[in-house]
């Protein structure tokens, strides 16, 4: 990448900076939000009322908050944003199907409304939020590897730990075997 093409982007509460080309930054808004589709975004923590206002201005109607560090529920209420607090340790341990089921069920219900937009986030948008986005996209019918490619292509800081990918794959296999696979719109 040529130096003059790099753009600094804030990617979390500790002001970690990463180089992005202008085409990579077009999927961001005033805070740490990366759009994966027209209706599903992934990113880092919201943390305060000003940032929640930015989220609301982006048209986001629903949030899956994967961070154990902070519950966005009260911040979302002020803007009519429905929040699922799904606190998850970023401990590189296998994750239970119930964690994904909760998030996927919430996403399915949210995205039934044609004007709904979903933001999936954790503290920095590196592990937990991409992991849940992978489960949501997989539940929509995406191949896991294609979904990973999309997420990594749009959000370069996304990092898929093998144990997290295996947890998502196990959830999706069990869901499919139980007849719970759906192709909801997102």
C-alpha atoms as a PDB file:
ATOM      1  CA  UNK A   1       0.000   0.000   0.000  1.00  0.00           C
ATOM      2  CA  UNK A   2       1.377   3.407  -0.896  1.00  0.00           C
ATOM      3  CA  UNK A   3       1.792   5.663   2.125  1.00  0.00           C
ATOM      4  CA  UNK A   4      -0.407   8.487   0.781  1.00  0.00           C
ATOM      5  CA  UNK A   5      -3.286   6.027   0.342  1.00  0.00           C
ATOM      6  CA  UNK A   6      -3.370   5.004   4.000  1.00  0.00           C
ATOM      7  CA  UNK A   7      -6.107   6.402   6.187  1.00  0.00           C
ATOM      8  CA  UNK A   8      -6.042   6.146   9.993  1.00  0.00           C
ATOM      9  CA  UNK A   9      -9.202   4.669  11.500  1.00  0.00           C
ATOM     10  CA  UNK A  10     -10.133   4.488  15.197  1.00  0.00           C
ATOM     11  CA  UNK A  11     -10.900   0.869  15.984  1.00  0.00           C
ATOM     12  CA  UNK A  12     -11.599   0.702  19.689  1.00  0.00           C
ATOM     13  CA  UNK A  13     -11.590   2.337  23.088  1.00  0.00           C
ATOM     14  CA  UNK A  14      -7.801   2.192  23.323  1.00  0.00           C
ATOM     15  CA  UNK A  15      -7.365   4.139  20.063  1.00  0.00           C
ATOM     16  CA  UNK A  16      -5.665   1.352  18.159  1.00  0.00           C
ATOM     17  CA  UNK A  17      -4.994   2.629  14.659  1.00  0.00           C
ATOM     18  CA  UNK A  18      -4.845   0.589  11.490  1.00  0.00           C
ATOM     19  CA  UNK A  19      -4.021   1.588   7.921  1.00  0.00           C
ATOM     20  CA  UNK A  20      -6.943   1.487   5.490  1.00  0.00           C
ATOM     21  CA  UNK A  21      -7.245   2.385   1.847  1.00  0.00           C
ATOM     22  CA  UNK A  22     -10.053   4.819   0.932  1.00  0.00           C
ATOM     23  CA  UNK A  23     -12.123   1.936  -0.479  1.00  0.00           C
ATOM     24  CA  UNK A  24     -11.858   0.046   2.821  1.00  0.00           C
ATOM     25  CA  UNK A  25     -13.002   3.075   4.823  1.00  0.00           C
ATOM     26  CA  UNK A  26     -16.146   3.674   2.776  1.00  0.00           C
ATOM     27  CA  UNK A  27     -17.912   1.043   4.871  1.00  0.00           C
ATOM     28  CA  UNK A  28     -17.443   3.070   8.091  1.00  0.00           C
ATOM     29  CA  UNK A  29     -19.349   5.919   9.696  1.00  0.00           C
ATOM     30  CA  UNK A  30     -18.355   8.363  12.468  1.00  0.00           C
ATOM     31  CA  UNK A  31     -17.509   5.623  14.923  1.00  0.00           C
ATOM     32  CA  UNK A  32     -16.315   2.031  14.792  1.00  0.00           C
ATOM     33  CA  UNK A  33     -18.962   0.476  12.561  1.00  0.00           C
ATOM     34  CA  UNK A  34     -18.218  -1.657   9.501  1.00  0.00           C
ATOM     35  CA  UNK A  35     -21.144  -2.573   7.259  1.00  0.00           C
ATOM     36  CA  UNK A  36     -21.065  -6.173   6.072  1.00  0.00           C
ATOM     37  CA  UNK A  37     -24.348  -5.939   4.171  1.00  0.00           C
ATOM     38  CA  UNK A  38     -26.861  -3.126   3.765  1.00  0.00           C
ATOM     39  CA  UNK A  39     -28.483  -4.219   7.036  1.00  0.00           C
ATOM     40  CA  UNK A  40     -25.798  -5.906   9.138  1.00  0.00           C
ATOM     41  CA  UNK A  41     -22.782  -4.172  10.653  1.00  0.00           C
ATOM     42  CA  UNK A  42     -20.013  -5.230  13.004  1.00  0.00           C
ATOM     43  CA  UNK A  43     -17.696  -3.158  15.175  1.00  0.00           C
ATOM     44  CA  UNK A  44     -16.358  -2.042  18.515  1.00  0.00           C
ATOM     45  CA  UNK A  45     -17.833  -0.700  21.721  1.00  0.00           C
ATOM     46  CA  UNK A  46     -20.326   2.126  21.966  1.00  0.00           C
ATOM     47  CA  UNK A  47     -19.504   3.079  25.578  1.00  0.00           C
ATOM     48  CA  UNK A  48     -21.478   6.358  25.918  1.00  0.00           C
ATOM     49  CA  UNK A  49     -24.618   8.284  24.991  1.00  0.00           C
ATOM     50  CA  UNK A  50     -22.923  10.377  22.275  1.00  0.00           C
ATOM     51  CA  UNK A  51     -21.774   7.260  20.455  1.00  0.00           C
ATOM     52  CA  UNK A  52     -25.202   5.652  20.825  1.00  0.00           C
ATOM     53  CA  UNK A  53     -26.663   8.757  19.181  1.00  0.00           C
ATOM     54  CA  UNK A  54     -24.278   8.182  16.246  1.00  0.00           C
ATOM     55  CA  UNK A  55     -25.431   4.584  16.057  1.00  0.00           C
ATOM     56  CA  UNK A  56     -29.058   5.742  15.958  1.00  0.00           C
ATOM     57  CA  UNK A  57     -28.262   8.299  13.225  1.00  0.00           C
ATOM     58  CA  UNK A  58     -26.773   5.443  11.178  1.00  0.00           C
ATOM     59  CA  UNK A  59     -30.262   3.904  11.164  1.00  0.00           C
ATOM     60  CA  UNK A  60     -29.389   1.007  13.435  1.00  0.00           C
ATOM     61  CA  UNK A  61     -32.482  -0.372  15.162  1.00  0.00           C
ATOM     62  CA  UNK A  62     -31.070  -3.455  16.892  1.00  0.00           C
ATOM     63  CA  UNK A  63     -27.790  -4.276  18.629  1.00  0.00           C
ATOM     64  CA  UNK A  64     -26.195  -7.543  19.671  1.00  0.00           C
ATOM     65  CA  UNK A  65     -23.731  -6.493  22.370  1.00  0.00           C
ATOM     66  CA  UNK A  66     -21.180  -9.279  22.808  1.00  0.00           C
ATOM     67  CA  UNK A  67     -18.947  -7.460  25.258  1.00  0.00           C
ATOM     68  CA  UNK A  68     -18.877  -8.584  28.849  1.00  0.00           C
ATOM     69  CA  UNK A  69     -17.383  -5.218  29.776  1.00  0.00           C
ATOM     70  CA  UNK A  70     -20.460  -3.006  29.263  1.00  0.00           C
ATOM     71  CA  UNK A  71     -24.210  -3.449  28.752  1.00  0.00           C
ATOM     72  CA  UNK A  72     -25.630  -1.014  26.145  1.00  0.00           C
ATOM     73  CA  UNK A  73     -29.266  -1.686  27.031  1.00  0.00           C
ATOM     74  CA  UNK A  74     -29.953   1.568  28.887  1.00  0.00           C
ATOM     75  CA  UNK A  75     -28.128   3.668  26.272  1.00  0.00           C
ATOM     76  CA  UNK A  76     -30.199   2.053  23.516  1.00  0.00           C
ATOM     77  CA  UNK A  77     -33.535   2.746  25.219  1.00  0.00           C
ATOM     78  CA  UNK A  78     -33.060   6.503  24.834  1.00  0.00           C
ATOM     79  CA  UNK A  79     -32.983   6.026  21.043  1.00  0.00           C
ATOM     80  CA  UNK A  80     -35.564   3.263  20.688  1.00  0.00           C
ATOM     81  CA  UNK A  81     -32.823   0.750  19.850  1.00  0.00           C
ATOM     82  CA  UNK A  82     -33.432  -2.795  21.023  1.00  0.00           C
ATOM     83  CA  UNK A  83     -30.335  -4.321  22.589  1.00  0.00           C
ATOM     84  CA  UNK A  84     -29.511  -7.949  23.242  1.00  0.00           C
ATOM     85  CA  UNK A  85     -26.725  -8.077  25.804  1.00  0.00           C
ATOM     86  CA  UNK A  86     -25.032 -11.401  25.101  1.00  0.00           C
ATOM     87  CA  UNK A  87     -21.928 -11.068  27.333  1.00  0.00           C
ATOM     88  CA  UNK A  88     -19.074 -13.263  26.220  1.00  0.00           C
ATOM     89  CA  UNK A  89     -15.529 -13.686  27.469  1.00  0.00           C
ATOM     90  CA  UNK A  90     -12.866 -13.354  24.794  1.00  0.00           C
ATOM     91  CA  UNK A  91     -11.022 -16.284  26.339  1.00  0.00           C
ATOM     92  CA  UNK A  92     -10.277 -18.435  23.277  1.00  0.00           C
ATOM     93  CA  UNK A  93     -12.367 -21.246  24.727  1.00  0.00           C
ATOM     94  CA  UNK A  94     -15.138 -23.101  22.852  1.00  0.00           C
ATOM     95  CA  UNK A  95     -18.456 -21.251  22.912  1.00  0.00           C
ATOM     96  CA  UNK A  96     -21.775 -22.997  23.601  1.00  0.00           C
ATOM     97  CA  UNK A  97     -24.546 -23.271  21.021  1.00  0.00           C
ATOM     98  CA  UNK A  98     -26.832 -21.325  23.380  1.00  0.00           C
ATOM     99  CA  UNK A  99     -24.663 -18.221  22.902  1.00  0.00           C
ATOM    100  CA  UNK A 100     -25.139 -18.333  19.132  1.00  0.00           C
ATOM    101  CA  UNK A 101     -28.779 -19.398  19.323  1.00  0.00           C
ATOM    102  CA  UNK A 102     -29.605 -16.355  21.422  1.00  0.00           C
ATOM    103  CA  UNK A 103     -27.910 -13.973  18.969  1.00  0.00           C
ATOM    104  CA  UNK A 104     -29.220 -15.645  15.817  1.00  0.00           C
ATOM    105  CA  UNK A 105     -32.794 -15.754  17.150  1.00  0.00           C
ATOM    106  CA  UNK A 106     -32.549 -12.040  17.999  1.00  0.00           C
ATOM    107  CA  UNK A 107     -31.132 -11.239  14.544  1.00  0.00           C
ATOM    108  CA  UNK A 108     -33.828 -13.271  12.780  1.00  0.00           C
ATOM    109  CA  UNK A 109     -36.597 -11.498  14.685  1.00  0.00           C
ATOM    110  CA  UNK A 110     -35.028  -8.075  14.134  1.00  0.00           C
ATOM    111  CA  UNK A 111     -34.420  -8.491  10.413  1.00  0.00           C
ATOM    112  CA  UNK A 112     -37.999  -9.534   9.718  1.00  0.00           C
ATOM    113  CA  UNK A 113     -38.786  -5.808   9.682  1.00  0.00           C
ATOM    114  CA  UNK A 114     -37.663  -4.483   6.301  1.00  0.00           C
ATOM    115  CA  UNK A 115     -36.339  -1.229   7.779  1.00  0.00           C
ATOM    116  CA  UNK A 116     -34.329  -2.904  10.569  1.00  0.00           C
ATOM    117  CA  UNK A 117     -30.544  -2.620  10.739  1.00  0.00           C
ATOM    118  CA  UNK A 118     -28.440  -4.762  13.054  1.00  0.00           C
ATOM    119  CA  UNK A 119     -25.133  -3.811  14.703  1.00  0.00           C
ATOM    120  CA  UNK A 120     -23.128  -6.647  16.249  1.00  0.00           C
ATOM    121  CA  UNK A 121     -20.311  -5.415  18.467  1.00  0.00           C
ATOM    122  CA  UNK A 122     -17.905  -6.218  21.259  1.00  0.00           C
ATOM    123  CA  UNK A 123     -15.233  -4.023  22.837  1.00  0.00           C
ATOM    124  CA  UNK A 124     -12.875  -3.764  19.846  1.00  0.00           C
ATOM    125  CA  UNK A 125     -14.686  -5.641  17.077  1.00  0.00           C
ATOM    126  CA  UNK A 126     -11.841  -8.101  16.606  1.00  0.00           C
ATOM    127  CA  UNK A 127     -12.989 -11.506  17.959  1.00  0.00           C
ATOM    128  CA  UNK A 128     -16.422 -11.731  19.568  1.00  0.00           C
ATOM    129  CA  UNK A 129     -18.444  -9.526  17.211  1.00  0.00           C
ATOM    130  CA  UNK A 130     -17.011 -11.110  14.037  1.00  0.00           C
ATOM    131  CA  UNK A 131     -17.660 -14.535  15.600  1.00  0.00           C
ATOM    132  CA  UNK A 132     -21.357 -13.703  16.145  1.00  0.00           C
ATOM    133  CA  UNK A 133     -21.595 -12.092  12.701  1.00  0.00           C
ATOM    134  CA  UNK A 134     -20.252 -15.358  11.287  1.00  0.00           C
ATOM    135  CA  UNK A 135     -23.024 -17.276  13.084  1.00  0.00           C
ATOM    136  CA  UNK A 136     -25.687 -14.845  11.838  1.00  0.00           C
ATOM    137  CA  UNK A 137     -24.470 -14.975   8.235  1.00  0.00           C
ATOM    138  CA  UNK A 138     -24.140 -18.774   8.439  1.00  0.00           C
ATOM    139  CA  UNK A 139     -27.732 -18.982   9.651  1.00  0.00           C
ATOM    140  CA  UNK A 140     -28.744 -16.917   6.643  1.00  0.00           C
ATOM    141  CA  UNK A 141     -27.302 -19.592   4.356  1.00  0.00           C
ATOM    142  CA  UNK A 142     -23.797 -18.237   3.836  1.00  0.00           C
ATOM    143  CA  UNK A 143     -20.973 -20.751   3.574  1.00  0.00           C
ATOM    144  CA  UNK A 144     -18.779 -20.228   6.663  1.00  0.00           C
ATOM    145  CA  UNK A 145     -15.624 -19.607   4.643  1.00  0.00           C
ATOM    146  CA  UNK A 146     -17.387 -17.169   2.293  1.00  0.00           C
ATOM    147  CA  UNK A 147     -18.772 -15.319   5.312  1.00  0.00           C
ATOM    148  CA  UNK A 148     -15.311 -15.169   6.897  1.00  0.00           C
ATOM    149  CA  UNK A 149     -13.916 -13.792   3.638  1.00  0.00           C
ATOM    150  CA  UNK A 150     -16.627 -11.110   3.544  1.00  0.00           C
ATOM    151  CA  UNK A 151     -16.055 -10.090   7.161  1.00  0.00           C
ATOM    152  CA  UNK A 152     -12.259 -10.013   6.832  1.00  0.00           C
ATOM    153  CA  UNK A 153     -12.528  -8.177   3.525  1.00  0.00           C
ATOM    154  CA  UNK A 154     -14.671  -5.442   5.026  1.00  0.00           C
ATOM    155  CA  UNK A 155     -13.083  -5.380   8.483  1.00  0.00           C
ATOM    156  CA  UNK A 156      -9.343  -6.015   8.306  1.00  0.00           C
ATOM    157  CA  UNK A 157      -8.962  -6.143  12.114  1.00  0.00           C
ATOM    158  CA  UNK A 158     -11.348  -9.113  12.365  1.00  0.00           C
ATOM    159  CA  UNK A 159      -9.491 -12.136  13.665  1.00  0.00           C
ATOM    160  CA  UNK A 160     -11.095 -15.566  13.595  1.00  0.00           C
ATOM    161  CA  UNK A 161      -9.613 -17.804  16.270  1.00  0.00           C
ATOM    162  CA  UNK A 162      -9.883 -21.439  15.198  1.00  0.00           C
ATOM    163  CA  UNK A 163     -11.780 -22.372  18.367  1.00  0.00           C
ATOM    164  CA  UNK A 164     -14.387 -19.676  17.667  1.00  0.00           C
ATOM    165  CA  UNK A 165     -14.845 -20.779  14.052  1.00  0.00           C
ATOM    166  CA  UNK A 166     -15.192 -24.390  15.196  1.00  0.00           C
ATOM    167  CA  UNK A 167     -17.804 -23.293  17.749  1.00  0.00           C
ATOM    168  CA  UNK A 168     -19.807 -21.506  15.039  1.00  0.00           C
ATOM    169  CA  UNK A 169     -19.521 -24.475  12.676  1.00  0.00           C
ATOM    170  CA  UNK A 170     -20.715 -26.856  15.411  1.00  0.00           C
ATOM    171  CA  UNK A 171     -23.683 -24.563  16.163  1.00  0.00           C
ATOM    172  CA  UNK A 172     -24.625 -24.355  12.475  1.00  0.00           C
ATOM    173  CA  UNK A 173     -24.317 -28.145  12.009  1.00  0.00           C
ATOM    174  CA  UNK A 174     -26.530 -28.787  15.042  1.00  0.00           C
ATOM    175  CA  UNK A 175     -29.012 -26.177  13.868  1.00  0.00           C
ATOM    176  CA  UNK A 176     -29.162 -27.743  10.406  1.00  0.00           C
ATOM    177  CA  UNK A 177     -29.584 -31.251  11.870  1.00  0.00           C
ATOM    178  CA  UNK A 178     -32.440 -30.008  14.048  1.00  0.00           C
ATOM    179  CA  UNK A 179     -34.158 -28.469  11.020  1.00  0.00           C
ATOM    180  CA  UNK A 180     -33.606 -24.950  12.351  1.00  0.00           C
ATOM    181  CA  UNK A 181     -31.778 -23.587   9.338  1.00  0.00           C
ATOM    182  CA  UNK A 182     -33.360 -20.481   7.900  1.00  0.00           C
ATOM    183  CA  UNK A 183     -32.639 -18.139   5.059  1.00  0.00           C
ATOM    184  CA  UNK A 184     -33.816 -14.911   6.666  1.00  0.00           C
ATOM    185  CA  UNK A 185     -33.083 -11.693   4.769  1.00  0.00           C
ATOM    186  CA  UNK A 186     -30.277  -9.491   5.939  1.00  0.00           C
END
